[in-house]
Amino acid sequence: MRGTNPLIFCPTQWHKRKEAVDYFFQMMYGADYQPPEAKHYFSDVDYQNWAGKWIDAAQDAGIVEPGRTNPLSLCPEERLKREVAAYRMYQAKGLK
């Protein structure tokens, strides 16, 4: 939401699922949080990519749901609407 004038939320805009997990953890633990090493849960996550360990940490924290279950897949490149991301952030803050 930073960088817009006027300040707007754009709830139907999207970002990738792999990008969202970073935001969730910033909400939970602050900007300096670093996740532990990846556990390689998902068959479709590139664990050489920066997002791999974030995705696995989000799985451990229960704030992401797999996109598919056989094999376990996150679908990290799929779009995540900001309205869904906002709900996930709400969960990340423990406001369930």
Protein backbone atom coordinates (compact mmCIF):
# COMPACT_ATOMS: atom_id res chain seq x y z
CA MET A 1 0.00 0.00 0.00
CA ARG A 2 2.99 2.27 0.19
CA GLY A 3 3.77 4.45 -2.77
CA THR A 4 0.27 5.30 -3.92
CA ASN A 5 -1.20 8.75 -4.06
CA PRO A 6 -3.99 8.78 -3.18
CA LEU A 7 -3.60 5.85 -0.79
CA ILE A 8 -5.58 2.94 -2.26
CA PHE A 9 -5.88 -0.75 -1.45
CA CYS A 10 -6.95 -2.29 -4.81
CA PRO A 11 -8.42 -5.50 -3.32
CA THR A 12 -8.81 -7.20 -6.68
CA GLN A 13 -5.18 -6.71 -7.73
CA TRP A 14 -2.89 -9.70 -7.27
CA HIS A 15 0.59 -10.90 -6.54
CA LYS A 16 2.16 -14.35 -6.64
CA ARG A 17 1.58 -16.81 -3.82
CA LYS A 18 5.32 -17.12 -3.26
CA GLU A 19 5.57 -13.35 -2.75
CA ALA A 20 2.76 -13.30 -0.21
CA VAL A 21 4.52 -15.47 2.37
CA ASP A 22 7.15 -12.79 2.92
CA TYR A 23 4.41 -10.28 3.76
CA PHE A 24 2.76 -12.72 6.14
CA PHE A 25 5.94 -13.16 8.14
CA GLN A 26 6.61 -9.43 8.25
CA MET A 27 3.16 -9.09 9.82
CA MET A 28 3.88 -11.88 12.30
CA TYR A 29 7.47 -11.19 13.30
CA GLY A 30 8.61 -7.89 11.81
CA ALA A 31 10.79 -7.00 8.86
CA ASP A 32 13.98 -8.56 10.28
CA TYR A 33 12.63 -12.11 10.59
CA GLN A 34 14.58 -14.78 8.72
CA PRO A 35 13.01 -18.22 8.28
CA PRO A 36 14.86 -21.47 9.00
CA GLU A 37 16.25 -23.57 6.19
CA ALA A 38 13.73 -25.11 3.84
CA LYS A 39 12.35 -28.58 4.50
CA HIS A 40 11.35 -29.19 0.87
CA TYR A 41 7.67 -29.95 1.43
CA PHE A 42 6.39 -28.99 -2.01
CA SER A 43 7.08 -30.66 -5.33
CA ASP A 44 6.67 -27.45 -7.36
CA VAL A 45 8.78 -25.02 -5.31
CA ASP A 46 12.19 -24.02 -6.62
CA TYR A 47 14.23 -24.29 -3.45
CA GLN A 48 17.12 -22.47 -5.10
CA ASN A 49 14.82 -19.43 -5.21
CA TRP A 50 14.69 -16.98 -2.30
CA ALA A 51 11.07 -17.90 -1.59
CA GLY A 52 11.65 -21.60 -0.85
CA LYS A 53 12.48 -21.29 2.83
CA TRP A 54 9.73 -18.70 3.31
CA ILE A 55 7.16 -21.02 1.76
CA ASP A 56 8.14 -23.93 4.00
CA ALA A 57 8.09 -21.70 7.09
CA ALA A 58 4.59 -20.57 6.12
CA GLN A 59 3.55 -24.21 5.81
CA ASP A 60 4.93 -24.90 9.30
CA ALA A 61 3.07 -21.87 10.67
CA GLY A 62 -0.20 -22.97 9.05
CA ILE A 63 -0.71 -19.78 7.06
CA VAL A 64 -0.68 -21.24 3.55
CA GLU A 65 -2.70 -23.99 2.01
CA PRO A 66 -1.40 -26.27 -0.71
CA GLY A 67 -2.75 -25.66 -4.17
CA ARG A 68 -2.78 -29.40 -4.82
CA THR A 69 -2.27 -32.42 -2.59
CA ASN A 70 -1.06 -35.24 -4.85
CA PRO A 71 1.79 -34.49 -5.10
CA LEU A 72 1.88 -31.76 -2.46
CA SER A 73 2.13 -28.53 -4.43
CA LEU A 74 1.90 -24.88 -3.48
CA CYS A 75 1.44 -23.43 -6.98
CA PRO A 76 3.84 -20.58 -6.08
CA GLU A 77 3.48 -18.78 -9.40
CA GLU A 78 -0.31 -18.59 -9.24
CA ARG A 79 -2.00 -15.30 -8.53
CA LEU A 80 -3.21 -14.47 -5.06
CA LYS A 81 -5.77 -11.69 -4.88
CA ARG A 82 -5.01 -9.03 -2.34
CA GLU A 83 -8.34 -9.65 -0.63
CA VAL A 84 -7.25 -13.26 0.06
CA ALA A 85 -3.81 -12.05 1.13
CA ALA A 86 -5.43 -9.62 3.55
CA TYR A 87 -7.34 -12.49 5.15
CA ARG A 88 -4.16 -14.55 5.42
CA MET A 89 -2.40 -11.62 7.08
CA TYR A 90 -5.32 -11.39 9.48
CA GLN A 91 -4.70 -15.04 10.32
CA ALA A 92 -0.95 -14.44 10.58
CA LYS A 93 -1.57 -11.82 13.26
CA GLY A 94 -3.50 -14.40 15.27
CA LEU A 95 -6.83 -12.64 14.82
CA LYS A 96 -8.65 -15.76 13.63
